[in-house]
Amino acid sequence: MTAHDLRPGDLVTFPFGAMTIHARVIEDRGHLGIKGGQIEVIEQDADEPWRFEMGAAEIRRQQYCVISIC
């Protein structure tokens, strides 16, 4: 996935130790990272949400499967 694939509002995941954190992209900060890497502002959905910046290369868009039972 390239940085251009992420957009504000996308649900993403990233590894944090042995856990996987779920968050939402809030803002695209542009090519401010090391060697021009894309930086995203993300917010973790929790009782007390926290917002921080991460490199787009470190986060992945969540994949969803919709199952329809007819």
PDB file of N, CA and C in Angstrom:
ATOM      1  N   MET A   1       0.853  -1.177   0.000  1.00  0.00           N
ATOM      2  CA  MET A   1       0.000   0.000   0.000  1.00  0.00           C
ATOM      3  C   MET A   1       0.894   1.233   0.000  1.00  0.00           C
ATOM      4  N   THR A   2       0.567   2.174  -0.827  1.00  0.00           N
ATOM      5  CA  THR A   2       1.330   3.420  -0.834  1.00  0.00           C
ATOM      6  C   THR A   2       0.616   4.450   0.023  1.00  0.00           C
ATOM      7  N   ALA A   3       1.315   5.514   0.350  1.00  0.00           N
ATOM      8  CA  ALA A   3       0.737   6.563   1.184  1.00  0.00           C
ATOM      9  C   ALA A   3      -0.476   7.182   0.513  1.00  0.00           C
ATOM     10  N   HIS A   4      -0.497   7.195  -0.814  1.00  0.00           N
ATOM     11  CA  HIS A   4      -1.615   7.822  -1.519  1.00  0.00           C
ATOM     12  C   HIS A   4      -2.901   7.017  -1.388  1.00  0.00           C
ATOM     13  N   ASP A   5      -2.801   5.773  -0.923  1.00  0.00           N
ATOM     14  CA  ASP A   5      -3.989   4.947  -0.730  1.00  0.00           C
ATOM     15  C   ASP A   5      -4.764   5.330   0.518  1.00  0.00           C
ATOM     16  N   LEU A   6      -4.131   6.014   1.465  1.00  0.00           N
ATOM     17  CA  LEU A   6      -4.793   6.397   2.714  1.00  0.00           C
ATOM     18  C   LEU A   6      -5.452   7.759   2.569  1.00  0.00           C
ATOM     19  N   ARG A   7      -6.672   7.864   3.092  1.00  0.00           N
ATOM     20  CA  ARG A   7      -7.407   9.114   3.035  1.00  0.00           C
ATOM     21  C   ARG A   7      -8.006   9.404   4.408  1.00  0.00           C
ATOM     22  N   PRO A   8      -8.231  10.677   4.736  1.00  0.00           N
ATOM     23  CA  PRO A   8      -8.902  10.982   6.003  1.00  0.00           C
ATOM     24  C   PRO A   8     -10.225  10.225   6.106  1.00  0.00           C
ATOM     25  N   GLY A   9     -10.450   9.647   7.269  1.00  0.00           N
ATOM     26  CA  GLY A   9     -11.646   8.845   7.512  1.00  0.00           C
ATOM     27  C   GLY A   9     -11.403   7.350   7.408  1.00  0.00           C
ATOM     28  N   ASP A  10     -10.307   6.935   6.760  1.00  0.00           N
ATOM     29  CA  ASP A  10      -9.997   5.511   6.650  1.00  0.00           C
ATOM     30  C   ASP A  10      -9.722   4.915   8.020  1.00  0.00           C
ATOM     31  N   LEU A  11     -10.209   3.698   8.238  1.00  0.00           N
ATOM     32  CA  LEU A  11      -9.893   2.953   9.451  1.00  0.00           C
ATOM     33  C   LEU A  11      -8.612   2.182   9.184  1.00  0.00           C
ATOM     34  N   VAL A  12      -7.669   2.254  10.132  1.00  0.00           N
ATOM     35  CA  VAL A  12      -6.357   1.650   9.953  1.00  0.00           C
ATOM     36  C   VAL A  12      -5.957   0.849  11.188  1.00  0.00           C
ATOM     37  N   THR A  13      -4.936   0.018  11.021  1.00  0.00           N
ATOM     38  CA  THR A  13      -4.348  -0.723  12.131  1.00  0.00           C
ATOM     39  C   THR A  13      -2.841  -0.553  12.086  1.00  0.00           C
ATOM     40  N   PHE A  14      -2.213  -0.747  13.244  1.00  0.00           N
ATOM     41  CA  PHE A  14      -0.755  -0.758  13.299  1.00  0.00           C
ATOM     42  C   PHE A  14      -0.323  -1.572  14.514  1.00  0.00           C
ATOM     43  N   PRO A  15       0.833  -2.223  14.409  1.00  0.00           N
ATOM     44  CA  PRO A  15       1.308  -3.026  15.533  1.00  0.00           C
ATOM     45  C   PRO A  15       1.854  -2.139  16.651  1.00  0.00           C
ATOM     46  N   PHE A  16       1.575  -2.525  17.882  1.00  0.00           N
ATOM     47  CA  PHE A  16       2.082  -1.820  19.065  1.00  0.00           C
ATOM     48  C   PHE A  16       2.460  -2.885  20.067  1.00  0.00           C
ATOM     49  N   GLY A  17       3.736  -3.270  20.061  1.00  0.00           N
ATOM     50  CA  GLY A  17       4.162  -4.400  20.895  1.00  0.00           C
ATOM     51  C   GLY A  17       3.505  -5.668  20.389  1.00  0.00           C
ATOM     52  N   ALA A  18       2.873  -6.406  21.284  1.00  0.00           N
ATOM     53  CA  ALA A  18       2.189  -7.639  20.899  1.00  0.00           C
ATOM     54  C   ALA A  18       0.743  -7.392  20.485  1.00  0.00           C
ATOM     55  N   MET A  19       0.282  -6.146  20.531  1.00  0.00           N
ATOM     56  CA  MET A  19      -1.109  -5.813  20.213  1.00  0.00           C
ATOM     57  C   MET A  19      -1.223  -5.192  18.824  1.00  0.00           C
ATOM     58  N   THR A  20      -2.449  -5.185  18.311  1.00  0.00           N
ATOM     59  CA  THR A  20      -2.772  -4.457  17.088  1.00  0.00           C
ATOM     60  C   THR A  20      -3.732  -3.340  17.479  1.00  0.00           C
ATOM     61  N   ILE A  21      -3.362  -2.108  17.179  1.00  0.00           N
ATOM     62  CA  ILE A  21      -4.173  -0.939  17.531  1.00  0.00           C
ATOM     63  C   ILE A  21      -5.045  -0.558  16.335  1.00  0.00           C
ATOM     64  N   HIS A  22      -6.301  -0.235  16.610  1.00  0.00           N
ATOM     65  CA  HIS A  22      -7.243   0.221  15.592  1.00  0.00           C
ATOM     66  C   HIS A  22      -7.417   1.732  15.744  1.00  0.00           C
ATOM     67  N   ALA A  23      -7.385   2.439  14.619  1.00  0.00           N
ATOM     68  CA  ALA A  23      -7.466   3.902  14.653  1.00  0.00           C
ATOM     69  C   ALA A  23      -8.105   4.414  13.367  1.00  0.00           C
ATOM     70  N   ARG A  24      -8.248   5.742  13.258  1.00  0.00           N
ATOM     71  CA  ARG A  24      -8.826   6.389  12.086  1.00  0.00           C
ATOM     72  C   ARG A  24      -7.879   7.488  11.605  1.00  0.00           C
ATOM     73  N   VAL A  25      -7.693   7.589  10.284  1.00  0.00           N
ATOM     74  CA  VAL A  25      -6.886   8.667   9.716  1.00  0.00           C
ATOM     75  C   VAL A  25      -7.686   9.974   9.838  1.00  0.00           C
ATOM     76  N   ILE A  26      -7.068  10.990  10.440  1.00  0.00           N
ATOM     77  CA  ILE A  26      -7.714  12.282  10.632  1.00  0.00           C
ATOM     78  C   ILE A  26      -7.233  13.292   9.598  1.00  0.00           C
ATOM     79  N   GLU A  27      -5.931  13.259   9.279  1.00  0.00           N
ATOM     80  CA  GLU A  27      -5.356  14.274   8.401  1.00  0.00           C
ATOM     81  C   GLU A  27      -4.114  13.729   7.700  1.00  0.00           C
ATOM     82  N   ASP A  28      -3.938  14.142   6.458  1.00  0.00           N
ATOM     83  CA  ASP A  28      -2.723  13.832   5.705  1.00  0.00           C
ATOM     84  C   ASP A  28      -1.800  15.036   5.837  1.00  0.00           C
ATOM     85  N   ARG A  29      -0.633  14.854   6.475  1.00  0.00           N
ATOM     86  CA  ARG A  29       0.280  15.969   6.735  1.00  0.00           C
ATOM     87  C   ARG A  29       1.271  16.206   5.609  1.00  0.00           C
ATOM     88  N   GLY A  30       1.319  15.311   4.633  1.00  0.00           N
ATOM     89  CA  GLY A  30       2.221  15.496   3.508  1.00  0.00           C
ATOM     90  C   GLY A  30       3.535  14.757   3.686  1.00  0.00           C
ATOM     91  N   HIS A  31       4.492  15.121   2.849  1.00  0.00           N
ATOM     92  CA  HIS A  31       5.798  14.449   2.818  1.00  0.00           C
ATOM     93  C   HIS A  31       6.764  15.089   3.818  1.00  0.00           C
ATOM     94  N   LEU A  32       6.483  14.922   5.092  1.00  0.00           N
ATOM     95  CA  LEU A  32       7.295  15.538   6.145  1.00  0.00           C
ATOM     96  C   LEU A  32       8.210  14.545   6.846  1.00  0.00           C
ATOM     97  N   GLY A  33       8.106  13.270   6.505  1.00  0.00           N
ATOM     98  CA  GLY A  33       8.881  12.238   7.183  1.00  0.00           C
ATOM     99  C   GLY A  33      10.292  12.105   6.637  1.00  0.00           C
ATOM    100  N   ILE A  34      11.002  11.131   7.170  1.00  0.00           N
ATOM    101  CA  ILE A  34      12.362  10.850   6.748  1.00  0.00           C
ATOM    102  C   ILE A  34      12.359  10.485   5.268  1.00  0.00           C
ATOM    103  N   LYS A  35      13.284  11.083   4.507  1.00  0.00           N
ATOM    104  CA  LYS A  35      13.403  10.877   3.057  1.00  0.00           C
ATOM    105  C   LYS A  35      12.084  11.140   2.340  1.00  0.00           C
ATOM    106  N   GLY A  36      11.318  12.118   2.819  1.00  0.00           N
ATOM    107  CA  GLY A  36      10.072  12.507   2.160  1.00  0.00           C
ATOM    108  C   GLY A  36       8.907  11.582   2.420  1.00  0.00           C
ATOM    109  N   GLY A  37       8.994  10.788   3.469  1.00  0.00           N
ATOM    110  CA  GLY A  37       7.906   9.858   3.793  1.00  0.00           C
ATOM    111  C   GLY A  37       6.618  10.584   4.153  1.00  0.00           C
ATOM    112  N   GLN A  38       5.494   9.985   3.795  1.00  0.00           N
ATOM    113  CA  GLN A  38       4.170  10.548   4.061  1.00  0.00           C
ATOM    114  C   GLN A  38       3.837  10.411   5.543  1.00  0.00           C
ATOM    115  N   ILE A  39       3.318  11.469   6.148  1.00  0.00           N
ATOM    116  CA  ILE A  39       2.915  11.462   7.553  1.00  0.00           C
ATOM    117  C   ILE A  39       1.397  11.600   7.637  1.00  0.00           C
ATOM    118  N   GLU A  40       0.770  10.776   8.468  1.00  0.00           N
ATOM    119  CA  GLU A  40      -0.674  10.815   8.694  1.00  0.00           C
ATOM    120  C   GLU A  40      -0.949  11.116  10.160  1.00  0.00           C
ATOM    121  N   VAL A  41      -1.959  11.915  10.424  1.00  0.00           N
ATOM    122  CA  VAL A  41      -2.448  12.117  11.792  1.00  0.00           C
ATOM    123  C   VAL A  41      -3.546  11.093  11.992  1.00  0.00           C
ATOM    124  N   ILE A  42      -3.397  10.253  13.021  1.00  0.00           N
ATOM    125  CA  ILE A  42      -4.407   9.243  13.307  1.00  0.00           C
ATOM    126  C   ILE A  42      -4.920   9.405  14.729  1.00  0.00           C
ATOM    127  N   GLU A  43      -6.137   8.907  14.948  1.00  0.00           N
ATOM    128  CA  GLU A  43      -6.763   8.994  16.270  1.00  0.00           C
ATOM    129  C   GLU A  43      -7.261   7.613  16.645  1.00  0.00           C
ATOM    130  N   GLN A  44      -6.867   7.173  17.829  1.00  0.00           N
ATOM    131  CA  GLN A  44      -7.336   5.888  18.321  1.00  0.00           C
ATOM    132  C   GLN A  44      -8.727   6.074  18.893  1.00  0.00           C
ATOM    133  N   ASP A  45      -9.632   5.166  18.530  1.00  0.00           N
ATOM    134  CA  ASP A  45     -10.995   5.204  19.059  1.00  0.00           C
ATOM    135  C   ASP A  45     -11.007   4.507  20.417  1.00  0.00           C
ATOM    136  N   ALA A  46     -11.243   5.261  21.467  1.00  0.00           N
ATOM    137  CA  ALA A  46     -11.279   4.714  22.822  1.00  0.00           C
ATOM    138  C   ALA A  46     -12.143   5.621  23.691  1.00  0.00           C
ATOM    139  N   ASP A  47     -12.280   5.276  24.974  1.00  0.00           N
ATOM    140  CA  ASP A  47     -13.035   6.130  25.893  1.00  0.00           C
ATOM    141  C   ASP A  47     -12.429   7.531  25.931  1.00  0.00           C
ATOM    142  N   GLU A  48     -11.120   7.591  25.969  1.00  0.00           N
ATOM    143  CA  GLU A  48     -10.403   8.866  25.892  1.00  0.00           C
ATOM    144  C   GLU A  48      -9.518   8.800  24.653  1.00  0.00           C
ATOM    145  N   PRO A  49     -10.037   9.252  23.486  1.00  0.00           N
ATOM    146  CA  PRO A  49      -9.255   9.137  22.257  1.00  0.00           C
ATOM    147  C   PRO A  49      -7.940   9.889  22.337  1.00  0.00           C
ATOM    148  N   TRP A  50      -6.914   9.343  21.698  1.00  0.00           N
ATOM    149  CA  TRP A  50      -5.636  10.041  21.620  1.00  0.00           C
ATOM    150  C   TRP A  50      -5.231  10.145  20.167  1.00  0.00           C
ATOM    151  N   ARG A  51      -4.655  11.278  19.821  1.00  0.00           N
ATOM    152  CA  ARG A  51      -4.299  11.623  18.448  1.00  0.00           C
ATOM    153  C   ARG A  51      -2.784  11.785  18.342  1.00  0.00           C
ATOM    154  N   PHE A  52      -2.191  11.254  17.273  1.00  0.00           N
ATOM    155  CA  PHE A  52      -0.754  11.353  17.081  1.00  0.00           C
ATOM    156  C   PHE A  52      -0.424  11.198  15.604  1.00  0.00           C
ATOM    157  N   GLU A  53       0.830  11.446  15.243  1.00  0.00           N
ATOM    158  CA  GLU A  53       1.296  11.334  13.864  1.00  0.00           C
ATOM    159  C   GLU A  53       2.113  10.063  13.696  1.00  0.00           C
ATOM    160  N   MET A  54       1.953   9.427  12.533  1.00  0.00           N
ATOM    161  CA  MET A  54       2.717   8.227  12.191  1.00  0.00           C
ATOM    162  C   MET A  54       3.050   8.265  10.712  1.00  0.00           C
ATOM    163  N   GLY A  55       4.119   7.575  10.359  1.00  0.00           N
ATOM    164  CA  GLY A  55       4.451   7.404   8.958  1.00  0.00           C
ATOM    165  C   GLY A  55       3.446   6.477   8.285  1.00  0.00           C
ATOM    166  N   ALA A  56       3.027   6.822   7.067  1.00  0.00           N
ATOM    167  CA  ALA A  56       2.046   5.999   6.351  1.00  0.00           C
ATOM    168  C   ALA A  56       2.561   4.585   6.109  1.00  0.00           C
ATOM    169  N   ALA A  57       3.869   4.420   6.016  1.00  0.00           N
ATOM    170  CA  ALA A  57       4.448   3.094   5.792  1.00  0.00           C
ATOM    171  C   ALA A  57       4.251   2.173   6.991  1.00  0.00           C
ATOM    172  N   GLU A  58       3.952   2.723   8.162  1.00  0.00           N
ATOM    173  CA  GLU A  58       3.808   1.930   9.385  1.00  0.00           C
ATOM    174  C   GLU A  58       2.374   1.492   9.654  1.00  0.00           C
ATOM    175  N   ILE A  59       1.405   2.024   8.915  1.00  0.00           N
ATOM    176  CA  ILE A  59       0.003   1.709   9.185  1.00  0.00           C
ATOM    177  C   ILE A  59      -0.631   1.044   7.969  1.00  0.00           C
ATOM    178  N   ARG A  60      -1.670   0.277   8.216  1.00  0.00           N
ATOM    179  CA  ARG A  60      -2.377  -0.458   7.162  1.00  0.00           C
ATOM    180  C   ARG A  60      -3.873  -0.181   7.267  1.00  0.00           C
ATOM    181  N   ARG A  61      -4.521  -0.061   6.116  1.00  0.00           N
ATOM    182  CA  ARG A  61      -5.980   0.113   6.092  1.00  0.00           C
ATOM    183  C   ARG A  61      -6.621  -1.194   6.546  1.00  0.00           C
ATOM    184  N   GLN A  62      -7.685  -1.083   7.358  1.00  0.00           N
ATOM    185  CA  GLN A  62      -8.405  -2.268   7.809  1.00  0.00           C
ATOM    186  C   GLN A  62      -9.135  -2.878   6.631  1.00  0.00           C
ATOM    187  N   GLN A  63      -9.152  -4.186   6.581  1.00  0.00           N
ATOM    188  CA  GLN A  63      -9.877  -4.918   5.543  1.00  0.00           C
ATOM    189  C   GLN A  63     -11.200  -5.413   6.121  1.00  0.00           C
ATOM    190  N   TYR A  64     -12.265  -5.264   5.355  1.00  0.00           N
ATOM    191  CA  TYR A  64     -13.569  -5.697   5.812  1.00  0.00           C
ATOM    192  C   TYR A  64     -14.109  -6.752   4.878  1.00  0.00           C
ATOM    193  N   CYS A  65     -14.793  -7.713   5.457  1.00  0.00           N
ATOM    194  CA  CYS A  65     -15.509  -8.728   4.676  1.00  0.00           C
ATOM    195  C   CYS A  65     -16.975  -8.618   5.034  1.00  0.00           C
ATOM    196  N   VAL A  66     -17.793  -8.466   4.036  1.00  0.00           N
ATOM    197  CA  VAL A  66     -19.232  -8.389   4.263  1.00  0.00           C
ATOM    198  C   VAL A  66     -19.812  -9.719   3.835  1.00  0.00           C
ATOM    199  N   ILE A  67     -20.496 -10.376   4.752  1.00  0.00           N
ATOM    200  CA  ILE A  67     -21.113 -11.676   4.469  1.00  0.00           C
ATOM    201  C   ILE A  67     -22.606 -11.475   4.419  1.00  0.00           C
ATOM    202  N   SER A  68     -23.200 -11.855   3.320  1.00  0.00           N
ATOM    203  CA  SER A  68     -24.642 -11.725   3.153  1.00  0.00           C
ATOM    204  C   SER A  68     -25.272 -13.106   3.212  1.00  0.00           C
ATOM    205  N   ILE A  69     -26.221 -13.262   4.106  1.00  0.00           N
ATOM    206  CA  ILE A  69     -26.941 -14.538   4.223  1.00  0.00           C
ATOM    207  C   ILE A  69     -28.359 -14.297   3.722  1.00  0.00           C
ATOM    208  N   CYS A  70     -28.707 -14.990   2.658  1.00  0.00           N
ATOM    209  CA  CYS A  70     -30.048 -14.801   2.053  1.00  0.00           C
ATOM    210  C   CYS A  70     -30.880 -16.026   2.248  1.00  0.00           C
TER     211      CYS A  70
END
